[in-house]
Amino acid sequence: MPPFTRQKVVTVLAAWIGLLWCSLSVAAADIHDRIVAVVNTDIIALSELEEEVAEVARQAQKRFGGAELDQRLRQIDYMGLNRMIERKLQLQIAKRRGITISEGDVQDALVRLRRMGESPNEQDPREMGLIRDQLTAMRLLNQQIRSGLIASDEELLRFYQQHQERFMLPPEVRISQILMALNPAVEMLEVREKARQVFALLQKGGRFEDLASQYSDGPEGQRGGSLGYIRPGDMLPQIQKAIEQLAIGSITEPLASPVGMHIIRVDDRKPPQFRPYEEVKEDIRNMVLQLKTEEAYMEWIKEQKDKSYIEIKR
C-alpha cells in the first residue's frame, strides 16, 4: 500500500468531517444551532461563538447603530471565532504533549484571581472549564515559546533609550496647608471668618508652621501643615488652579472647597524627569519579553494553523 501523503491525510480528514457535519445537521436544525468552524477533529458551534462574544457585542449595540453596528458585529464575530480556533489548537496540542492541570493548580489560580479583585464562580462548570483551559494554554505557551526567550542588557538599554517617554515622571509640587474644615456643627460663614483671621496673621508675619499646628483641622497640622509632594490631578481643582503660577514660598488667599477653607503655601516644585534606567530595568525586561512573546506566538500559531485542518462555515 502506498504511503499516505499529507494531502491524502487532509482529504481523508475532510471527508470524515463532512460526514460528521451531515450527521449533526439535523440535530443542529432542531436546536437552531449550526457549526461555524471545524478545527481538526473538533467543531465550534454558533451558540458557542455567540456566548464567546456576547459581552462585547452587547457593548457595541449600546454604542453603535445601523451599518456601523453591523460592521462592528462582523468584526467581533471574526475576532471571537479566531480566538476560539486558536484555543482549540492550543488545547489539542497540549493534550498530545500530555500537559495536564491539577485541581491544586486550579485552586491556586482561583486564589490569585480573588487577590486581583475577581470573583470566580466555582459552581459554574463553564467558568471553571475556561479557567482550566486558560491554565493549560499558558503552560503550553510557556513550554513552547516563553522558556526559550531572553532579553539582553543591550536590548533593555536600547528599549529605554527609544521609549523614554514611557518612563517620564510628571511634575510635582510640595505644598503645605492650613485647613478650616466644614462639619455639621459649623456653618460656612464661620469657617470663612476663621480662615480670614488666620490669613491676616500670616500677612502680619505669623509663621505658617505654627499657625497650621494651632488652627488647621487636618492631620497635616501636626506636621506644620506639610502635605508633601503632590502631582497635578491629585489635588482639588480649586487648589491646583490657585497654585499653578505661584512662586515657591508664596501663599494663597483662603480658598473655598466642599471640604472647607484652605490656605496653601507652595514649598517646592519638581520639573518632569526621567526615571533612572537601573530603577526601571526589570520593568523594561518584562516589556521586552512580552513583545518577544507576542511576536513568537504569532509565528508559532501560524505554523500550527498551516499544519492543521481548519474550515470556517459561512
Protein backbone atom coordinates (compact mmCIF):
# COMPACT_ATOMS: atom_id res chain seq x y z
CA MET A 1 0.00 0.00 0.00
CA PRO A 2 1.44 3.39 -0.97
CA PRO A 3 2.21 5.65 1.97
CA PHE A 4 -0.22 8.44 2.88
CA THR A 5 0.87 11.86 1.74
CA ARG A 6 -0.03 14.98 3.71
CA GLN A 7 -2.58 15.88 1.01
CA LYS A 8 -4.24 12.46 1.31
CA VAL A 9 -4.43 12.78 5.08
CA VAL A 10 -6.11 16.16 4.75
CA THR A 11 -8.51 14.79 2.11
CA VAL A 12 -9.50 11.83 4.30
CA LEU A 13 -9.92 14.10 7.29
CA ALA A 14 -12.07 16.50 5.29
CA ALA A 15 -14.29 13.64 4.17
CA TRP A 16 -14.66 12.45 7.75
CA ILE A 17 -15.56 15.97 8.89
CA GLY A 18 -18.11 16.14 6.07
CA LEU A 19 -19.81 13.00 7.35
CA LEU A 20 -19.75 14.43 10.85
CA TRP A 21 -21.36 17.63 9.58
CA CYS A 22 -24.13 15.68 7.85
CA SER A 23 -24.84 13.59 10.93
CA LEU A 24 -25.11 16.69 13.09
CA SER A 25 -27.06 18.91 10.72
CA VAL A 26 -30.49 17.56 11.64
CA ALA A 27 -29.86 17.96 15.35
CA ALA A 28 -28.44 21.41 14.75
CA ALA A 29 -31.53 22.48 12.88
CA ASP A 30 -33.72 21.25 15.73
CA ILE A 31 -31.99 23.46 18.26
CA HIS A 32 -31.48 26.43 15.91
CA ASP A 33 -27.71 25.93 16.01
CA ARG A 34 -25.08 25.17 13.43
CA ILE A 35 -21.37 24.50 13.05
CA VAL A 36 -19.38 27.64 12.28
CA ALA A 37 -15.89 26.10 12.22
CA VAL A 38 -14.06 22.79 12.22
CA VAL A 39 -10.64 22.53 13.84
CA ASN A 40 -9.09 19.15 13.10
CA THR A 41 -11.47 16.79 14.94
CA ASP A 42 -13.21 19.50 16.98
CA ILE A 43 -16.15 21.67 16.00
CA ILE A 44 -17.24 25.15 17.08
CA ALA A 45 -21.00 25.75 17.19
CA LEU A 46 -22.73 29.05 16.56
CA SER A 47 -24.08 29.01 20.12
CA GLU A 48 -20.53 28.75 21.45
CA LEU A 49 -19.40 31.69 19.33
CA GLU A 50 -22.37 33.77 20.46
CA GLU A 51 -21.51 33.04 24.07
CA GLU A 52 -17.86 33.92 23.44
CA VAL A 53 -18.66 37.39 22.05
CA ALA A 54 -21.86 38.14 23.99
CA GLU A 55 -20.48 40.83 26.33
CA VAL A 56 -18.50 42.69 23.64
CA ALA A 57 -21.49 42.52 21.28
CA ARG A 58 -23.77 43.99 23.97
CA GLN A 59 -21.38 46.90 24.47
CA ALA A 60 -21.26 47.53 20.71
CA GLN A 61 -25.07 47.51 20.49
CA LYS A 62 -25.21 50.22 23.15
CA ARG A 63 -22.72 52.47 21.33
CA PHE A 64 -23.45 51.97 17.62
CA GLY A 65 -26.31 51.53 15.22
CA GLY A 66 -27.15 50.87 11.59
CA ALA A 67 -24.41 49.93 9.13
CA GLU A 68 -21.64 50.74 11.59
CA LEU A 69 -23.12 48.33 14.13
CA ASP A 70 -23.34 45.58 11.51
CA GLN A 71 -19.70 46.11 10.62
CA ARG A 72 -18.65 46.09 14.28
CA LEU A 73 -20.58 42.89 14.98
CA ARG A 74 -18.98 41.16 11.99
CA GLN A 75 -15.56 42.18 13.25
CA ILE A 76 -16.42 40.99 16.77
CA ASP A 77 -17.57 37.61 15.42
CA TYR A 78 -14.43 37.28 13.29
CA MET A 79 -12.10 38.04 16.18
CA GLY A 80 -14.06 35.84 18.57
CA LEU A 81 -14.02 32.89 16.16
CA ASN A 82 -10.28 33.33 15.61
CA ARG A 83 -9.71 33.23 19.37
CA MET A 84 -11.75 30.06 19.67
CA ILE A 85 -9.90 28.38 16.81
CA GLU A 86 -6.55 29.22 18.38
CA ARG A 87 -7.78 27.99 21.77
CA LYS A 88 -8.89 24.69 20.22
CA LEU A 89 -5.48 24.25 18.60
CA GLN A 90 -3.67 25.05 21.85
CA LEU A 91 -5.73 22.52 23.81
CA GLN A 92 -5.28 19.84 21.14
CA ILE A 93 -1.50 20.32 21.15
CA ALA A 94 -1.41 20.37 24.96
CA LYS A 95 -3.31 17.09 25.04
CA ARG A 96 -0.88 15.47 22.60
CA ARG A 97 2.03 16.63 24.74
CA GLY A 98 0.48 15.27 27.92
CA ILE A 99 0.04 18.64 29.59
CA THR A 100 -2.43 18.40 32.45
CA ILE A 101 -3.74 20.79 35.09
CA SER A 102 -4.27 19.51 38.61
CA GLU A 103 -7.01 20.57 40.99
CA GLY A 104 -4.32 22.26 43.06
CA ASP A 105 -3.33 24.35 40.02
CA VAL A 106 -6.95 25.46 39.63
CA GLN A 107 -7.27 26.36 43.31
CA ASP A 108 -4.04 28.39 43.17
CA ALA A 109 -5.42 30.25 40.14
CA LEU A 110 -8.66 31.00 41.99
CA VAL A 111 -6.69 32.47 44.90
CA ARG A 112 -4.72 34.71 42.52
CA LEU A 113 -7.92 35.84 40.78
CA ARG A 114 -9.52 36.80 44.10
CA ARG A 115 -6.42 38.76 45.09
CA MET A 116 -6.85 40.71 41.84
CA GLY A 117 -10.43 41.57 42.79
CA GLU A 118 -12.13 38.98 40.60
CA SER A 119 -14.98 36.77 41.83
CA PRO A 120 -14.78 33.39 40.04
CA ASN A 121 -17.86 31.18 40.48
CA GLU A 122 -16.70 27.71 41.49
CA GLN A 123 -20.23 26.40 40.98
CA ASP A 124 -20.27 27.33 37.29
CA PRO A 125 -18.88 24.38 35.27
CA ARG A 126 -18.33 26.56 32.18
CA GLU A 127 -16.37 29.21 34.08
CA MET A 128 -14.24 26.59 35.80
CA GLY A 129 -13.66 24.88 32.46
CA LEU A 130 -12.47 28.16 30.94
CA ILE A 131 -10.05 28.70 33.82
CA ARG A 132 -8.65 25.18 33.38
CA ASP A 133 -8.33 25.74 29.62
CA GLN A 134 -6.51 29.03 30.17
CA LEU A 135 -4.08 27.38 32.58
CA THR A 136 -3.47 24.60 30.06
CA ALA A 137 -2.79 27.10 27.27
CA MET A 138 -0.47 29.14 29.49
CA ARG A 139 1.54 26.06 30.41
CA LEU A 140 1.80 25.05 26.76
CA LEU A 141 2.93 28.51 25.68
CA ASN A 142 5.47 28.66 28.50
CA GLN A 143 6.96 25.42 27.22
CA GLN A 144 6.76 26.21 23.52
CA ILE A 145 7.55 29.93 23.47
CA ARG A 146 8.47 31.77 26.65
CA SER A 147 11.03 29.31 28.00
CA GLY A 148 13.30 29.99 25.03
CA LEU A 149 13.17 33.79 25.14
CA ILE A 150 15.81 36.06 26.66
CA ALA A 151 16.33 39.82 26.76
CA SER A 152 19.93 41.00 26.73
CA ASP A 153 21.14 44.09 28.59
CA GLU A 154 21.80 45.73 25.22
CA GLU A 155 18.17 45.21 24.20
CA LEU A 156 16.93 46.60 27.50
CA LEU A 157 19.06 49.74 27.25
CA ARG A 158 18.03 50.27 23.62
CA PHE A 159 14.34 49.96 24.57
CA TYR A 160 14.84 52.51 27.37
CA GLN A 161 16.54 54.97 25.01
CA GLN A 162 13.88 54.56 22.30
CA HIS A 163 10.88 54.81 24.65
CA GLN A 164 11.98 57.28 27.31
CA GLU A 165 8.59 58.97 27.27
CA ARG A 166 7.20 55.87 28.98
CA PHE A 167 9.47 56.49 31.95
CA MET A 168 8.78 60.20 32.38
CA LEU A 169 7.74 61.29 35.84
CA PRO A 170 5.19 64.14 35.81
CA PRO A 171 5.94 67.43 37.57
CA GLU A 172 5.27 67.55 41.29
CA VAL A 173 4.72 70.36 43.75
CA ARG A 174 5.30 70.23 47.50
CA ILE A 175 2.68 72.19 49.41
CA SER A 176 1.60 72.91 52.95
CA GLN A 177 -1.96 73.60 54.08
CA ILE A 178 -3.97 75.19 56.81
CA LEU A 179 -7.44 73.69 56.64
CA MET A 180 -10.53 75.09 58.30
CA ALA A 181 -12.88 72.15 57.82
CA LEU A 182 -16.64 72.17 57.47
CA ASN A 183 -18.64 69.95 59.81
CA PRO A 184 -22.33 69.64 60.78
CA ALA A 185 -21.83 71.93 63.76
CA VAL A 186 -20.08 74.75 61.88
CA GLU A 187 -21.55 76.93 59.13
CA MET A 188 -19.53 78.05 56.10
CA LEU A 189 -19.75 81.70 57.19
CA GLU A 190 -17.98 80.88 60.46
CA VAL A 191 -15.32 78.82 58.62
CA ARG A 192 -14.69 81.70 56.19
CA GLU A 193 -14.24 84.14 59.06
CA LYS A 194 -11.76 81.84 60.80
CA ALA A 195 -9.79 81.47 57.55
CA ARG A 196 -9.76 85.26 57.10
CA GLN A 197 -8.35 85.73 60.60
CA VAL A 198 -5.62 83.11 60.09
CA PHE A 199 -4.67 84.66 56.74
CA ALA A 200 -4.42 88.06 58.43
CA LEU A 201 -1.98 86.57 60.97
CA LEU A 202 0.14 85.23 58.10
CA GLN A 203 0.20 88.66 56.47
CA LYS A 204 1.44 90.13 59.74
CA GLY A 205 4.42 87.77 59.70
CA GLY A 206 2.99 84.76 61.52
CA ARG A 207 4.94 81.55 60.93
CA PHE A 208 2.98 79.18 58.65
CA GLU A 209 4.03 76.03 60.54
CA ASP A 210 2.99 77.46 63.90
CA LEU A 211 -0.39 78.64 62.62
CA ALA A 212 -1.01 75.29 60.90
CA SER A 213 -0.27 73.46 64.13
CA GLN A 214 -2.59 75.78 66.06
CA TYR A 215 -5.52 76.25 63.65
CA SER A 216 -5.55 73.53 60.97
CA ASP A 217 -8.23 70.87 61.27
CA GLY A 218 -6.38 68.42 59.03
CA PRO A 219 -3.95 65.75 60.33
CA GLU A 220 -1.13 67.52 58.47
CA GLY A 221 -1.46 70.33 61.02
CA GLN A 222 0.71 68.33 63.40
CA ARG A 223 3.41 68.37 60.70
CA GLY A 224 3.32 72.12 60.29
CA GLY A 225 0.75 71.71 57.50
CA SER A 226 3.05 69.77 55.15
CA LEU A 227 1.22 67.65 52.54
CA GLY A 228 4.43 66.56 50.79
CA TYR A 229 4.86 66.29 47.03
CA ILE A 230 1.65 66.04 45.00
CA ARG A 231 1.17 65.54 41.26
CA PRO A 232 -1.18 67.68 39.17
CA GLY A 233 -4.55 65.98 39.09
CA ASP A 234 -4.15 64.53 42.58
CA MET A 235 -5.34 67.67 44.35
CA LEU A 236 -8.62 69.58 44.50
CA PRO A 237 -9.21 71.57 41.28
CA GLN A 238 -9.58 74.80 43.27
CA ILE A 239 -6.15 74.33 44.82
CA GLN A 240 -4.47 73.24 41.60
CA LYS A 241 -5.72 76.30 39.72
CA ALA A 242 -4.72 78.68 42.51
CA ILE A 243 -1.11 77.46 42.79
CA GLU A 244 -0.34 76.94 39.07
CA GLN A 245 1.53 80.23 38.73
CA LEU A 246 2.64 80.73 42.33
CA ALA A 247 6.34 81.06 43.11
CA ILE A 248 7.99 78.90 45.76
CA GLY A 249 7.25 80.34 49.20
CA SER A 250 4.04 82.08 48.07
CA ILE A 251 0.78 81.66 49.96
CA THR A 252 -2.74 81.65 48.53
CA GLU A 253 -5.64 83.62 49.88
CA PRO A 254 -8.26 81.42 51.57
CA LEU A 255 -9.80 79.01 49.02
CA ALA A 256 -13.29 77.52 49.34
CA SER A 257 -13.99 73.88 48.53
CA PRO A 258 -16.58 71.27 49.56
CA VAL A 259 -14.17 70.34 52.37
CA GLY A 260 -13.90 73.81 53.86
CA MET A 261 -11.44 76.69 53.53
CA HIS A 262 -7.80 76.17 52.58
CA ILE A 263 -4.71 78.35 52.83
CA ILE A 264 -1.93 76.83 50.71
CA ARG A 265 1.79 77.53 50.62
CA VAL A 266 3.98 76.36 47.71
CA ASP A 267 7.15 74.86 49.24
CA ASP A 268 8.94 73.36 46.23
CA ARG A 269 8.49 72.25 42.61
CA LYS A 270 9.95 69.28 40.74
CA PRO A 271 10.02 69.51 36.94
CA PRO A 272 9.22 66.47 34.76
CA GLN A 273 12.09 64.00 34.84
CA PHE A 274 13.03 60.54 33.59
CA ARG A 275 13.18 57.61 35.96
CA PRO A 276 16.75 56.24 36.09
CA TYR A 277 17.47 53.23 33.88
CA GLU A 278 18.54 51.00 36.78
CA GLU A 279 15.29 51.78 38.58
CA VAL A 280 13.12 50.59 35.68
CA LYS A 281 15.40 47.88 34.25
CA GLU A 282 13.30 44.94 35.43
CA ASP A 283 10.10 46.61 34.24
CA ILE A 284 11.74 47.02 30.83
CA ARG A 285 12.79 43.38 30.84
CA ASN A 286 9.15 42.36 31.30
CA MET A 287 8.06 44.70 28.49
CA VAL A 288 10.69 43.38 26.07
CA LEU A 289 9.91 39.76 26.90
CA GLN A 290 6.21 40.45 26.44
CA LEU A 291 6.83 41.93 22.99
CA LYS A 292 9.03 38.98 22.05
CA THR A 293 6.39 36.56 23.33
CA GLU A 294 3.70 38.19 21.19
CA GLU A 295 5.89 38.06 18.08
CA ALA A 296 6.92 34.45 18.71
CA TYR A 297 3.33 33.45 19.38
CA MET A 298 2.13 34.92 16.06
CA GLU A 299 4.73 32.85 14.20
CA TRP A 300 4.03 29.73 16.25
CA ILE A 301 0.23 29.84 15.91
CA LYS A 302 0.51 30.49 12.16
CA GLU A 303 2.65 27.38 11.86
CA GLN A 304 0.10 25.36 13.83
CA LYS A 305 -2.75 26.62 11.66
CA ASP A 306 -0.83 25.76 8.49
CA LYS A 307 -0.37 22.18 9.74
CA SER A 308 -3.99 21.76 10.80
CA TYR A 309 -7.33 21.18 9.11
CA ILE A 310 -9.41 24.31 9.68
CA GLU A 311 -12.66 25.03 7.90
CA ILE A 312 -14.86 28.03 8.56
CA LYS A 313 -18.53 27.52 7.65
CA ARG A 314 -20.05 30.58 6.07
